[in-house]
Amino acid sequence: MNTSIGILEVPGFTPAMVALDAMEKAADIHVVQAELNDFLGTVIKIGGSVDSVSAALDAGKVAALRFGVTPIVAVIPNPEPSAMEIGIMSRQERSPLLEQNVVLGQPEAPKSVATKTRDSAMAETPNFALGFIETQGFTAVFEAIDTACKAANVEVLAKEKLGGGYITIVIKGDVAAVNAAVEAGKTKVGSLGKLIAAHVIARPSANVLALLPK
C-alpha cells in the first residue's frame, strides 16, 4: 500500500477539531499527531493510503472553510524515515507562554486502554455531542461558559489556549443540551471579547475526544 502523511494546518482550535472529525468520518485514516503553536495555529497529522489521506484532507478543508479561515493542506507520499522521525513528528514540549503541552496524541506516551475505551464509548453514544466556544479574551469565555452551563445540562470537558488571547472551552452532553448551551453561551461574548467560533459536533470521532486537553 502506498502510505502517506497528510497535514492540515488551520488557525484556531475549534476549526481544527471540526476538520478532524470530518476527516475521520470521510476516509479510512488514523491520527498520527496534533500540534499547537503559540500564534493561533493547530496542525493535524494523519496517516493512511494516499487516496484515503487525500479524501480526508478534502473533507477537512471543506469543514474548516466554514469558519472563515484558510486551511493549509499537504499530502506527503512515502515520507523519508529520517524526515518523519525528526522533522515531521514532534517530541513533547511545553510552551512557557501557554503554560501547557503543545504536542497532542504523543505516540511516545500512549493513552491507557481504559482511556481509549472511555473515549470510544463516548464517541459511539448516539446522542452524545461536544460543544466548542472559542473566544479571544478570558473574560468573554468565562462568561460564556457559565451561561452555557446554566442554560442546559452539560459538563465542561476541557479548556485549550492557543496564544494571541484565543481560548476554547469544550463541553459535553446530549445533542439538544449542547446545542442549547452553545447558543446561550455565545450570546454572552458581546462586548467582553471576540467570538472566534461556536460549534457542535454530534457523535464526535474517538480521536477528537482523545486529542482534547485533560
N, C-alpha and C. Protein backbone atom coordinates (compact mmCIF):
# COMPACT_ATOMS: atom_id res chain seq x y z
N MET A 1 0.85 -1.19 0.00
CA MET A 1 0.00 0.00 0.00
C MET A 1 0.88 1.24 0.00
N ASN A 2 0.48 2.22 -0.77
CA ASN A 2 1.23 3.47 -0.85
C ASN A 2 0.84 4.34 0.34
N THR A 3 1.64 4.31 1.42
CA THR A 3 1.29 5.05 2.62
C THR A 3 1.71 6.49 2.50
N SER A 4 1.06 7.33 3.26
CA SER A 4 1.36 8.76 3.20
C SER A 4 1.01 9.42 4.52
N ILE A 5 1.51 10.63 4.67
CA ILE A 5 1.16 11.50 5.78
C ILE A 5 0.40 12.70 5.21
N GLY A 6 -0.68 13.05 5.87
CA GLY A 6 -1.44 14.24 5.48
C GLY A 6 -1.33 15.30 6.56
N ILE A 7 -1.22 16.54 6.13
CA ILE A 7 -1.09 17.66 7.05
C ILE A 7 -2.24 18.64 6.81
N LEU A 8 -2.92 19.02 7.87
CA LEU A 8 -3.90 20.10 7.80
C LEU A 8 -3.58 21.09 8.90
N GLU A 9 -3.31 22.32 8.51
CA GLU A 9 -2.96 23.39 9.46
C GLU A 9 -3.99 24.50 9.32
N VAL A 10 -4.47 24.96 10.46
CA VAL A 10 -5.55 25.94 10.45
C VAL A 10 -5.45 26.85 11.66
N PRO A 11 -5.82 28.12 11.53
CA PRO A 11 -5.89 28.99 12.71
C PRO A 11 -7.09 28.60 13.58
N GLY A 12 -6.86 28.46 14.87
CA GLY A 12 -7.95 28.16 15.78
C GLY A 12 -8.04 26.69 16.13
N PHE A 13 -8.49 26.41 17.35
CA PHE A 13 -8.62 25.04 17.83
C PHE A 13 -9.94 24.41 17.38
N THR A 14 -11.02 25.18 17.44
CA THR A 14 -12.32 24.66 17.05
C THR A 14 -12.36 24.22 15.59
N PRO A 15 -11.92 25.06 14.64
CA PRO A 15 -11.91 24.59 13.25
C PRO A 15 -11.08 23.33 13.05
N ALA A 16 -9.97 23.20 13.78
CA ALA A 16 -9.12 22.02 13.64
C ALA A 16 -9.84 20.76 14.11
N MET A 17 -10.55 20.84 15.24
CA MET A 17 -11.26 19.67 15.75
C MET A 17 -12.45 19.30 14.86
N VAL A 18 -13.13 20.29 14.34
CA VAL A 18 -14.24 20.03 13.42
C VAL A 18 -13.71 19.40 12.13
N ALA A 19 -12.57 19.91 11.64
CA ALA A 19 -11.95 19.34 10.44
C ALA A 19 -11.50 17.90 10.69
N LEU A 20 -10.93 17.63 11.86
CA LEU A 20 -10.51 16.28 12.19
C LEU A 20 -11.69 15.32 12.21
N ASP A 21 -12.78 15.74 12.81
CA ASP A 21 -13.99 14.91 12.85
C ASP A 21 -14.46 14.59 11.44
N ALA A 22 -14.46 15.60 10.57
CA ALA A 22 -14.88 15.40 9.18
C ALA A 22 -13.92 14.45 8.45
N MET A 23 -12.62 14.59 8.70
CA MET A 23 -11.64 13.73 8.03
C MET A 23 -11.82 12.27 8.43
N GLU A 24 -12.02 12.02 9.72
CA GLU A 24 -12.17 10.63 10.18
C GLU A 24 -13.45 9.99 9.67
N LYS A 25 -14.48 10.81 9.50
CA LYS A 25 -15.75 10.27 9.02
C LYS A 25 -15.77 10.12 7.49
N ALA A 26 -14.79 10.74 6.81
CA ALA A 26 -14.78 10.72 5.34
C ALA A 26 -13.94 9.60 4.76
N ALA A 27 -12.92 9.13 5.49
CA ALA A 27 -11.98 8.17 4.90
C ALA A 27 -11.31 7.34 5.99
N ASP A 28 -10.69 6.25 5.55
CA ASP A 28 -10.00 5.33 6.45
C ASP A 28 -8.59 5.86 6.73
N ILE A 29 -8.49 6.73 7.73
CA ILE A 29 -7.20 7.31 8.12
C ILE A 29 -7.01 7.14 9.62
N HIS A 30 -5.81 7.39 10.09
CA HIS A 30 -5.56 7.39 11.53
C HIS A 30 -4.83 8.68 11.88
N VAL A 31 -5.02 9.13 13.10
CA VAL A 31 -4.36 10.34 13.56
C VAL A 31 -2.96 9.99 14.03
N VAL A 32 -1.99 10.68 13.50
CA VAL A 32 -0.60 10.46 13.88
C VAL A 32 -0.22 11.36 15.04
N GLN A 33 -0.60 12.63 14.96
CA GLN A 33 -0.22 13.60 15.98
C GLN A 33 -0.94 14.91 15.69
N ALA A 34 -1.09 15.72 16.72
CA ALA A 34 -1.55 17.09 16.55
C ALA A 34 -0.61 17.99 17.32
N GLU A 35 -0.49 19.23 16.86
CA GLU A 35 0.48 20.13 17.47
C GLU A 35 -0.06 21.57 17.44
N LEU A 36 0.22 22.29 18.52
CA LEU A 36 -0.18 23.68 18.62
C LEU A 36 1.05 24.57 18.52
N ASN A 37 0.86 25.78 18.00
CA ASN A 37 1.91 26.77 18.18
C ASN A 37 1.36 27.89 19.04
N ASP A 38 2.19 28.88 19.37
CA ASP A 38 1.72 29.93 20.27
C ASP A 38 1.24 31.15 19.50
N PHE A 39 0.89 30.93 18.23
CA PHE A 39 0.35 32.03 17.43
C PHE A 39 -0.89 31.56 16.67
N LEU A 40 -1.81 30.98 17.43
CA LEU A 40 -3.16 30.64 16.97
C LEU A 40 -3.27 29.37 16.15
N GLY A 41 -2.16 28.73 15.79
CA GLY A 41 -2.23 27.63 14.84
C GLY A 41 -2.38 26.26 15.46
N THR A 42 -3.13 25.39 14.78
CA THR A 42 -3.24 23.98 15.13
C THR A 42 -2.98 23.17 13.88
N VAL A 43 -2.12 22.15 13.97
CA VAL A 43 -1.85 21.28 12.84
C VAL A 43 -2.24 19.86 13.21
N ILE A 44 -2.94 19.20 12.30
CA ILE A 44 -3.34 17.80 12.47
C ILE A 44 -2.55 16.98 11.47
N LYS A 45 -1.92 15.89 11.94
CA LYS A 45 -1.14 15.00 11.08
C LYS A 45 -1.86 13.66 11.04
N ILE A 46 -2.19 13.20 9.84
CA ILE A 46 -2.91 11.95 9.68
C ILE A 46 -2.11 11.00 8.80
N GLY A 47 -2.44 9.72 8.86
CA GLY A 47 -1.76 8.72 8.05
C GLY A 47 -2.75 7.81 7.37
N GLY A 48 -2.30 7.16 6.30
CA GLY A 48 -3.13 6.23 5.56
C GLY A 48 -2.66 6.14 4.12
N SER A 49 -3.42 5.49 3.28
CA SER A 49 -3.08 5.43 1.86
C SER A 49 -3.18 6.84 1.27
N VAL A 50 -2.52 7.04 0.14
CA VAL A 50 -2.56 8.35 -0.50
C VAL A 50 -3.99 8.75 -0.82
N ASP A 51 -4.77 7.81 -1.37
CA ASP A 51 -6.15 8.13 -1.74
C ASP A 51 -6.99 8.48 -0.52
N SER A 52 -6.84 7.71 0.56
CA SER A 52 -7.61 7.97 1.78
C SER A 52 -7.23 9.30 2.41
N VAL A 53 -5.93 9.55 2.49
CA VAL A 53 -5.47 10.81 3.07
C VAL A 53 -5.94 12.00 2.24
N SER A 54 -5.88 11.88 0.92
CA SER A 54 -6.32 12.96 0.05
C SER A 54 -7.82 13.23 0.23
N ALA A 55 -8.60 12.16 0.30
CA ALA A 55 -10.05 12.32 0.50
C ALA A 55 -10.35 12.94 1.85
N ALA A 56 -9.62 12.51 2.87
CA ALA A 56 -9.83 13.06 4.21
C ALA A 56 -9.48 14.54 4.25
N LEU A 57 -8.37 14.92 3.65
CA LEU A 57 -7.97 16.33 3.65
C LEU A 57 -8.98 17.19 2.90
N ASP A 58 -9.53 16.66 1.82
CA ASP A 58 -10.57 17.41 1.10
C ASP A 58 -11.76 17.69 2.01
N ALA A 59 -12.18 16.67 2.77
CA ALA A 59 -13.31 16.84 3.68
C ALA A 59 -12.95 17.80 4.81
N GLY A 60 -11.74 17.68 5.35
CA GLY A 60 -11.31 18.57 6.42
C GLY A 60 -11.22 20.01 5.97
N LYS A 61 -10.75 20.22 4.76
CA LYS A 61 -10.64 21.58 4.23
C LYS A 61 -12.01 22.23 4.10
N VAL A 62 -12.98 21.47 3.58
CA VAL A 62 -14.35 22.00 3.44
C VAL A 62 -14.91 22.37 4.81
N ALA A 63 -14.68 21.51 5.81
CA ALA A 63 -15.19 21.76 7.16
C ALA A 63 -14.56 23.02 7.75
N ALA A 64 -13.25 23.18 7.57
CA ALA A 64 -12.56 24.35 8.14
C ALA A 64 -12.96 25.65 7.46
N LEU A 65 -13.20 25.58 6.16
CA LEU A 65 -13.57 26.79 5.41
C LEU A 65 -14.87 27.41 5.92
N ARG A 66 -15.72 26.60 6.51
CA ARG A 66 -17.00 27.12 7.04
C ARG A 66 -16.78 28.13 8.18
N PHE A 67 -15.59 28.11 8.78
CA PHE A 67 -15.29 29.03 9.87
C PHE A 67 -14.64 30.32 9.38
N GLY A 68 -14.54 30.47 8.06
CA GLY A 68 -13.96 31.69 7.53
C GLY A 68 -12.45 31.74 7.63
N VAL A 69 -11.81 30.59 7.83
CA VAL A 69 -10.35 30.53 7.90
C VAL A 69 -9.83 29.79 6.66
N THR A 70 -8.56 29.97 6.38
CA THR A 70 -7.96 29.32 5.22
C THR A 70 -7.03 28.20 5.67
N PRO A 71 -7.44 26.95 5.52
CA PRO A 71 -6.57 25.84 5.93
C PRO A 71 -5.45 25.63 4.92
N ILE A 72 -4.32 25.15 5.42
CA ILE A 72 -3.20 24.74 4.57
C ILE A 72 -3.13 23.23 4.64
N VAL A 73 -3.14 22.56 3.48
CA VAL A 73 -3.12 21.10 3.46
C VAL A 73 -2.01 20.59 2.56
N ALA A 74 -1.49 19.43 2.88
CA ALA A 74 -0.45 18.81 2.07
C ALA A 74 -0.48 17.30 2.27
N VAL A 75 -0.17 16.58 1.21
CA VAL A 75 -0.01 15.12 1.27
C VAL A 75 1.46 14.81 1.02
N ILE A 76 2.06 14.01 1.90
CA ILE A 76 3.46 13.60 1.75
C ILE A 76 3.47 12.09 1.51
N PRO A 77 3.60 11.65 0.24
CA PRO A 77 3.62 10.21 -0.02
C PRO A 77 4.93 9.58 0.45
N ASN A 78 4.84 8.41 1.02
CA ASN A 78 6.03 7.64 1.44
C ASN A 78 7.10 8.53 2.08
N PRO A 79 6.79 9.15 3.21
CA PRO A 79 7.76 10.07 3.82
C PRO A 79 9.08 9.38 4.12
N GLU A 80 10.17 10.09 3.87
CA GLU A 80 11.51 9.57 4.14
C GLU A 80 11.67 9.37 5.64
N PRO A 81 12.20 8.22 6.10
CA PRO A 81 12.21 7.90 7.54
C PRO A 81 12.84 8.96 8.44
N SER A 82 13.99 9.51 8.04
CA SER A 82 14.62 10.49 8.92
C SER A 82 13.84 11.80 8.95
N ALA A 83 13.22 12.14 7.82
CA ALA A 83 12.37 13.33 7.80
C ALA A 83 11.16 13.13 8.71
N MET A 84 10.62 11.91 8.70
CA MET A 84 9.46 11.59 9.53
C MET A 84 9.83 11.63 11.01
N GLU A 85 10.94 11.00 11.35
CA GLU A 85 11.32 10.85 12.76
C GLU A 85 11.71 12.17 13.40
N ILE A 86 12.43 13.01 12.68
CA ILE A 86 12.98 14.22 13.29
C ILE A 86 12.22 15.48 12.87
N GLY A 87 11.81 15.52 11.60
CA GLY A 87 11.22 16.76 11.11
C GLY A 87 9.71 16.84 11.22
N ILE A 88 9.03 15.73 10.90
CA ILE A 88 7.56 15.76 10.85
C ILE A 88 6.95 15.45 12.21
N MET A 89 7.45 14.40 12.85
CA MET A 89 6.97 14.07 14.19
C MET A 89 7.66 14.96 15.22
N SER A 90 6.93 15.35 16.23
CA SER A 90 7.48 16.24 17.26
C SER A 90 7.51 15.55 18.61
N ARG A 91 8.60 15.73 19.32
CA ARG A 91 8.65 15.27 20.70
C ARG A 91 7.84 16.23 21.55
N GLN A 92 7.41 15.73 22.69
CA GLN A 92 6.60 16.58 23.57
C GLN A 92 7.40 17.80 24.01
N GLU A 93 6.76 18.94 24.02
CA GLU A 93 7.37 20.15 24.55
C GLU A 93 6.30 20.96 25.25
N ARG A 94 6.75 21.80 26.15
CA ARG A 94 5.83 22.62 26.92
C ARG A 94 6.08 24.09 26.58
N SER A 95 5.01 24.79 26.26
CA SER A 95 5.13 26.21 25.93
C SER A 95 5.11 27.03 27.21
N PRO A 96 6.18 27.81 27.47
CA PRO A 96 6.16 28.67 28.65
C PRO A 96 5.13 29.79 28.53
N LEU A 97 4.83 30.17 27.29
CA LEU A 97 3.83 31.22 27.08
C LEU A 97 2.43 30.71 27.37
N LEU A 98 2.11 29.51 26.85
CA LEU A 98 0.78 28.94 27.04
C LEU A 98 0.65 28.17 28.35
N GLU A 99 1.80 27.82 28.96
CA GLU A 99 1.83 27.03 30.18
C GLU A 99 1.11 25.69 30.01
N GLN A 100 1.37 25.03 28.89
CA GLN A 100 0.76 23.74 28.63
C GLN A 100 1.57 23.01 27.56
N ASN A 101 1.35 21.71 27.46
CA ASN A 101 1.99 20.93 26.41
C ASN A 101 1.41 21.32 25.06
N VAL A 102 2.25 21.26 24.03
CA VAL A 102 1.79 21.69 22.71
C VAL A 102 1.74 20.56 21.69
N VAL A 103 2.14 19.35 22.08
CA VAL A 103 2.03 18.19 21.21
C VAL A 103 0.93 17.29 21.76
N LEU A 104 -0.06 17.01 20.94
CA LEU A 104 -1.21 16.22 21.36
C LEU A 104 -1.16 14.86 20.68
N GLY A 105 -1.64 13.83 21.37
CA GLY A 105 -1.61 12.50 20.80
C GLY A 105 -0.21 11.98 20.66
N GLN A 106 0.63 12.23 21.67
CA GLN A 106 2.04 11.87 21.61
C GLN A 106 2.23 10.36 21.58
N PRO A 107 2.79 9.79 20.48
CA PRO A 107 2.94 8.34 20.40
C PRO A 107 3.83 7.75 21.48
N GLU A 108 4.80 8.53 22.00
CA GLU A 108 5.72 8.01 23.00
C GLU A 108 5.05 7.82 24.36
N ALA A 109 3.88 8.41 24.53
CA ALA A 109 3.16 8.26 25.78
C ALA A 109 1.70 7.96 25.47
N PRO A 110 1.39 6.76 24.96
CA PRO A 110 0.04 6.44 24.54
C PRO A 110 -0.94 6.43 25.70
N LYS A 111 -2.20 6.68 25.35
CA LYS A 111 -3.23 6.64 26.38
C LYS A 111 -3.44 5.22 26.86
N SER A 112 -3.89 5.09 28.08
CA SER A 112 -4.15 3.77 28.64
C SER A 112 -5.34 3.12 27.94
N VAL A 113 -5.43 1.81 28.08
CA VAL A 113 -6.56 1.09 27.49
C VAL A 113 -7.87 1.61 28.05
N ALA A 114 -7.88 1.93 29.36
CA ALA A 114 -9.11 2.44 29.98
C ALA A 114 -9.52 3.76 29.36
N THR A 115 -8.53 4.64 29.09
CA THR A 115 -8.86 5.93 28.48
C THR A 115 -9.37 5.74 27.06
N LYS A 116 -8.72 4.86 26.29
CA LYS A 116 -9.17 4.61 24.94
C LYS A 116 -10.58 4.05 24.93
N THR A 117 -10.87 3.13 25.86
CA THR A 117 -12.20 2.54 25.94
C THR A 117 -13.24 3.60 26.27
N ARG A 118 -12.91 4.50 27.20
CA ARG A 118 -13.84 5.56 27.57
C ARG A 118 -14.10 6.49 26.40
N ASP A 119 -13.03 6.90 25.69
CA ASP A 119 -13.19 7.78 24.53
C ASP A 119 -14.06 7.12 23.46
N SER A 120 -13.78 5.83 23.18
CA SER A 120 -14.53 5.12 22.16
C SER A 120 -15.99 4.98 22.55
N ALA A 121 -16.24 4.69 23.84
CA ALA A 121 -17.62 4.52 24.31
C ALA A 121 -18.41 5.81 24.16
N MET A 122 -17.80 6.95 24.53
CA MET A 122 -18.49 8.23 24.39
C MET A 122 -18.76 8.53 22.92
N ALA A 123 -17.77 8.27 22.06
CA ALA A 123 -17.92 8.57 20.64
C ALA A 123 -19.03 7.76 20.00
N GLU A 124 -19.30 6.56 20.55
CA GLU A 124 -20.31 5.69 19.96
C GLU A 124 -21.70 5.88 20.55
N THR A 125 -21.84 6.77 21.53
CA THR A 125 -23.15 7.05 22.10
C THR A 125 -23.97 7.86 21.10
N PRO A 126 -25.14 7.37 20.67
CA PRO A 126 -25.86 8.02 19.56
C PRO A 126 -26.19 9.49 19.81
N ASN A 127 -26.53 9.85 21.03
CA ASN A 127 -26.99 11.21 21.28
C ASN A 127 -25.91 12.10 21.90
N PHE A 128 -24.67 11.63 21.89
CA PHE A 128 -23.57 12.37 22.53
C PHE A 128 -23.05 13.47 21.60
N ALA A 129 -22.71 14.62 22.20
CA ALA A 129 -22.19 15.73 21.41
C ALA A 129 -21.14 16.50 22.19
N LEU A 130 -20.26 17.16 21.45
CA LEU A 130 -19.32 18.12 22.01
C LEU A 130 -19.69 19.51 21.53
N GLY A 131 -19.54 20.48 22.42
CA GLY A 131 -19.76 21.87 22.05
C GLY A 131 -18.48 22.67 22.26
N PHE A 132 -18.17 23.55 21.31
CA PHE A 132 -16.97 24.37 21.37
C PHE A 132 -17.36 25.85 21.38
N ILE A 133 -16.83 26.59 22.33
CA ILE A 133 -16.95 28.05 22.34
C ILE A 133 -15.54 28.61 22.40
N GLU A 134 -15.13 29.26 21.34
CA GLU A 134 -13.77 29.79 21.24
C GLU A 134 -13.84 31.31 21.17
N THR A 135 -13.10 31.98 22.04
CA THR A 135 -13.12 33.43 22.09
C THR A 135 -11.70 33.98 22.10
N GLN A 136 -11.61 35.26 21.90
CA GLN A 136 -10.36 35.97 22.14
C GLN A 136 -10.59 36.81 23.39
N GLY A 137 -10.06 36.34 24.50
CA GLY A 137 -10.26 37.01 25.78
C GLY A 137 -10.81 36.08 26.83
N PHE A 138 -10.18 36.10 28.01
CA PHE A 138 -10.60 35.22 29.11
C PHE A 138 -11.97 35.58 29.65
N THR A 139 -12.22 36.86 29.89
CA THR A 139 -13.50 37.26 30.49
C THR A 139 -14.67 36.78 29.65
N ALA A 140 -14.52 36.93 28.34
CA ALA A 140 -15.60 36.52 27.44
C ALA A 140 -15.89 35.04 27.55
N VAL A 141 -14.85 34.23 27.57
CA VAL A 141 -15.08 32.78 27.60
C VAL A 141 -15.59 32.34 28.97
N PHE A 142 -15.15 33.00 30.04
CA PHE A 142 -15.66 32.65 31.37
C PHE A 142 -17.15 32.94 31.47
N GLU A 143 -17.56 34.11 30.99
CA GLU A 143 -18.99 34.46 31.00
C GLU A 143 -19.78 33.50 30.11
N ALA A 144 -19.21 33.19 28.95
CA ALA A 144 -19.92 32.33 28.01
C ALA A 144 -20.13 30.94 28.58
N ILE A 145 -19.11 30.38 29.21
CA ILE A 145 -19.25 29.01 29.69
C ILE A 145 -20.15 28.94 30.91
N ASP A 146 -20.13 29.97 31.76
CA ASP A 146 -21.05 29.99 32.90
C ASP A 146 -22.49 30.03 32.41
N THR A 147 -22.74 30.87 31.42
CA THR A 147 -24.09 30.96 30.85
C THR A 147 -24.49 29.64 30.20
N ALA A 148 -23.56 29.02 29.48
CA ALA A 148 -23.85 27.76 28.80
C ALA A 148 -24.24 26.68 29.81
N CYS A 149 -23.49 26.59 30.89
CA CYS A 149 -23.76 25.55 31.90
C CYS A 149 -25.06 25.79 32.64
N LYS A 150 -25.45 27.06 32.77
CA LYS A 150 -26.72 27.38 33.43
C LYS A 150 -27.91 27.16 32.51
N ALA A 151 -27.66 27.16 31.21
CA ALA A 151 -28.75 27.06 30.24
C ALA A 151 -29.19 25.62 29.99
N ALA A 152 -28.30 24.66 30.20
CA ALA A 152 -28.63 23.27 29.87
C ALA A 152 -27.76 22.32 30.69
N ASN A 153 -28.17 21.07 30.68
CA ASN A 153 -27.46 20.03 31.44
C ASN A 153 -26.23 19.57 30.66
N VAL A 154 -25.14 20.33 30.80
CA VAL A 154 -23.89 19.99 30.12
C VAL A 154 -22.76 20.01 31.14
N GLU A 155 -21.61 19.45 30.73
CA GLU A 155 -20.43 19.40 31.59
C GLU A 155 -19.23 19.96 30.84
N VAL A 156 -18.43 20.76 31.54
CA VAL A 156 -17.21 21.27 30.93
C VAL A 156 -16.19 20.14 30.86
N LEU A 157 -15.64 19.91 29.66
CA LEU A 157 -14.74 18.80 29.43
C LEU A 157 -13.28 19.26 29.36
N ALA A 158 -13.03 20.43 28.78
CA ALA A 158 -11.64 20.84 28.56
C ALA A 158 -11.55 22.33 28.29
N LYS A 159 -10.34 22.86 28.48
CA LYS A 159 -10.01 24.24 28.10
C LYS A 159 -8.68 24.23 27.37
N GLU A 160 -8.61 24.90 26.23
CA GLU A 160 -7.40 24.94 25.42
C GLU A 160 -7.02 26.38 25.11
N LYS A 161 -5.73 26.71 25.26
CA LYS A 161 -5.22 28.04 24.92
C LYS A 161 -4.31 27.93 23.70
N LEU A 162 -4.41 28.93 22.81
CA LEU A 162 -3.61 28.90 21.59
C LEU A 162 -2.66 30.08 21.46
N GLY A 163 -2.63 30.96 22.43
CA GLY A 163 -1.86 32.19 22.26
C GLY A 163 -2.72 33.24 21.58
N GLY A 164 -2.21 34.48 21.58
CA GLY A 164 -2.98 35.55 20.97
C GLY A 164 -4.30 35.83 21.65
N GLY A 165 -4.45 35.33 22.89
CA GLY A 165 -5.70 35.52 23.61
C GLY A 165 -6.79 34.53 23.24
N TYR A 166 -6.50 33.54 22.36
CA TYR A 166 -7.51 32.57 21.95
C TYR A 166 -7.66 31.49 23.02
N ILE A 167 -8.89 31.30 23.48
CA ILE A 167 -9.21 30.26 24.45
C ILE A 167 -10.45 29.51 23.98
N THR A 168 -10.40 28.19 24.07
CA THR A 168 -11.54 27.35 23.69
C THR A 168 -12.00 26.56 24.91
N ILE A 169 -13.30 26.61 25.17
CA ILE A 169 -13.91 25.76 26.18
C ILE A 169 -14.72 24.68 25.47
N VAL A 170 -14.56 23.44 25.90
CA VAL A 170 -15.28 22.32 25.30
C VAL A 170 -16.24 21.75 26.33
N ILE A 171 -17.49 21.57 25.93
CA ILE A 171 -18.50 20.99 26.81
C ILE A 171 -19.02 19.70 26.19
N LYS A 172 -19.64 18.88 27.04
CA LYS A 172 -20.22 17.64 26.53
C LYS A 172 -21.61 17.45 27.12
N GLY A 173 -22.40 16.63 26.43
CA GLY A 173 -23.76 16.33 26.87
C GLY A 173 -24.53 15.76 25.71
N ASP A 174 -25.86 15.65 25.87
CA ASP A 174 -26.62 15.17 24.71
C ASP A 174 -26.77 16.30 23.70
N VAL A 175 -27.12 15.94 22.48
CA VAL A 175 -27.11 16.90 21.37
C VAL A 175 -27.97 18.12 21.65
N ALA A 176 -29.19 17.91 22.14
CA ALA A 176 -30.10 19.04 22.38
C ALA A 176 -29.54 19.97 23.45
N ALA A 177 -29.02 19.39 24.53
CA ALA A 177 -28.48 20.21 25.62
C ALA A 177 -27.26 21.00 25.17
N VAL A 178 -26.37 20.35 24.42
CA VAL A 178 -25.16 21.04 23.96
C VAL A 178 -25.52 22.16 22.99
N ASN A 179 -26.46 21.91 22.09
CA ASN A 179 -26.91 22.97 21.18
C ASN A 179 -27.46 24.17 21.93
N ALA A 180 -28.30 23.90 22.93
CA ALA A 180 -28.88 24.99 23.72
C ALA A 180 -27.81 25.74 24.49
N ALA A 181 -26.87 25.00 25.06
CA ALA A 181 -25.81 25.63 25.85
C ALA A 181 -24.91 26.51 24.99
N VAL A 182 -24.51 26.00 23.82
CA VAL A 182 -23.64 26.78 22.94
C VAL A 182 -24.35 28.04 22.45
N GLU A 183 -25.61 27.92 22.09
CA GLU A 183 -26.37 29.10 21.64
C GLU A 183 -26.45 30.14 22.75
N ALA A 184 -26.72 29.69 23.98
CA ALA A 184 -26.81 30.63 25.10
C ALA A 184 -25.46 31.24 25.41
N GLY A 185 -24.41 30.43 25.39
CA GLY A 185 -23.08 30.91 25.74
C GLY A 185 -22.54 31.94 24.78
N LYS A 186 -22.72 31.72 23.49
CA LYS A 186 -22.11 32.62 22.52
C LYS A 186 -22.75 34.01 22.54
N THR A 187 -24.01 34.10 23.02
CA THR A 187 -24.65 35.41 23.10
C THR A 187 -24.04 36.28 24.21
N LYS A 188 -23.31 35.67 25.14
CA LYS A 188 -22.74 36.42 26.26
C LYS A 188 -21.38 37.02 25.94
N VAL A 189 -20.81 36.67 24.80
CA VAL A 189 -19.47 37.17 24.48
C VAL A 189 -19.51 38.67 24.27
N GLY A 190 -20.34 39.12 23.35
CA GLY A 190 -20.61 40.53 23.14
C GLY A 190 -19.42 41.45 23.25
N SER A 191 -19.55 42.46 24.09
CA SER A 191 -18.51 43.47 24.26
C SER A 191 -17.37 42.99 25.17
N LEU A 192 -17.51 41.80 25.75
CA LEU A 192 -16.48 41.29 26.67
C LEU A 192 -15.26 40.75 25.93
N GLY A 193 -15.43 40.43 24.68
CA GLY A 193 -14.35 39.85 23.89
C GLY A 193 -14.85 39.56 22.50
N LYS A 194 -14.09 38.77 21.76
CA LYS A 194 -14.43 38.45 20.38
C LYS A 194 -14.76 36.97 20.26
N LEU A 195 -15.92 36.67 19.68
CA LEU A 195 -16.29 35.28 19.43
C LEU A 195 -15.54 34.79 18.19
N ILE A 196 -14.73 33.77 18.36
CA ILE A 196 -13.97 33.20 17.24
C ILE A 196 -14.76 32.08 16.58
N ALA A 197 -15.36 31.23 17.40
CA ALA A 197 -16.12 30.10 16.85
C ALA A 197 -17.05 29.56 17.92
N ALA A 198 -18.19 29.04 17.47
CA ALA A 198 -19.12 28.31 18.34
C ALA A 198 -19.69 27.19 17.49
N HIS A 199 -19.51 25.95 17.94
CA HIS A 199 -19.87 24.83 17.08
C HIS A 199 -20.21 23.61 17.91
N VAL A 200 -21.08 22.76 17.35
CA VAL A 200 -21.47 21.50 17.99
C VAL A 200 -21.11 20.35 17.06
N ILE A 201 -20.43 19.34 17.61
CA ILE A 201 -20.14 18.12 16.86
C ILE A 201 -20.96 16.99 17.47
N ALA A 202 -21.92 16.47 16.72
CA ALA A 202 -22.70 15.32 17.17
C ALA A 202 -21.93 14.04 16.89
N ARG A 203 -21.91 13.12 17.84
CA ARG A 203 -21.17 11.86 17.73
C ARG A 203 -19.75 12.09 17.23
N PRO A 204 -18.95 12.84 17.98
CA PRO A 204 -17.57 13.12 17.55
C PRO A 204 -16.76 11.84 17.44
N SER A 205 -15.78 11.86 16.56
CA SER A 205 -14.90 10.70 16.42
C SER A 205 -14.08 10.51 17.69
N ALA A 206 -13.63 9.28 17.90
CA ALA A 206 -12.87 8.97 19.12
C ALA A 206 -11.59 9.80 19.22
N ASN A 207 -10.96 10.08 18.08
CA ASN A 207 -9.70 10.82 18.13
C ASN A 207 -9.90 12.30 18.47
N VAL A 208 -11.05 12.85 18.14
CA VAL A 208 -11.34 14.21 18.60
C VAL A 208 -11.36 14.23 20.12
N LEU A 209 -12.02 13.25 20.72
CA LEU A 209 -12.05 13.15 22.17
C LEU A 209 -10.66 12.90 22.74
N ALA A 210 -9.88 12.05 22.08
CA ALA A 210 -8.56 11.69 22.59
C ALA A 210 -7.60 12.86 22.56
N LEU A 211 -7.77 13.81 21.63
CA LEU A 211 -6.85 14.92 21.50
C LEU A 211 -7.21 16.11 22.38
N LEU A 212 -8.36 16.06 23.01
CA LEU A 212 -8.73 17.17 23.89
C LEU A 212 -7.83 17.21 25.11
N PRO A 213 -7.47 18.41 25.58
CA PRO A 213 -6.67 18.50 26.80
C PRO A 213 -7.46 17.95 27.97
N LYS A 214 -6.72 17.33 28.91
CA LYS A 214 -7.38 16.73 30.08
C LYS A 214 -7.18 17.63 31.30
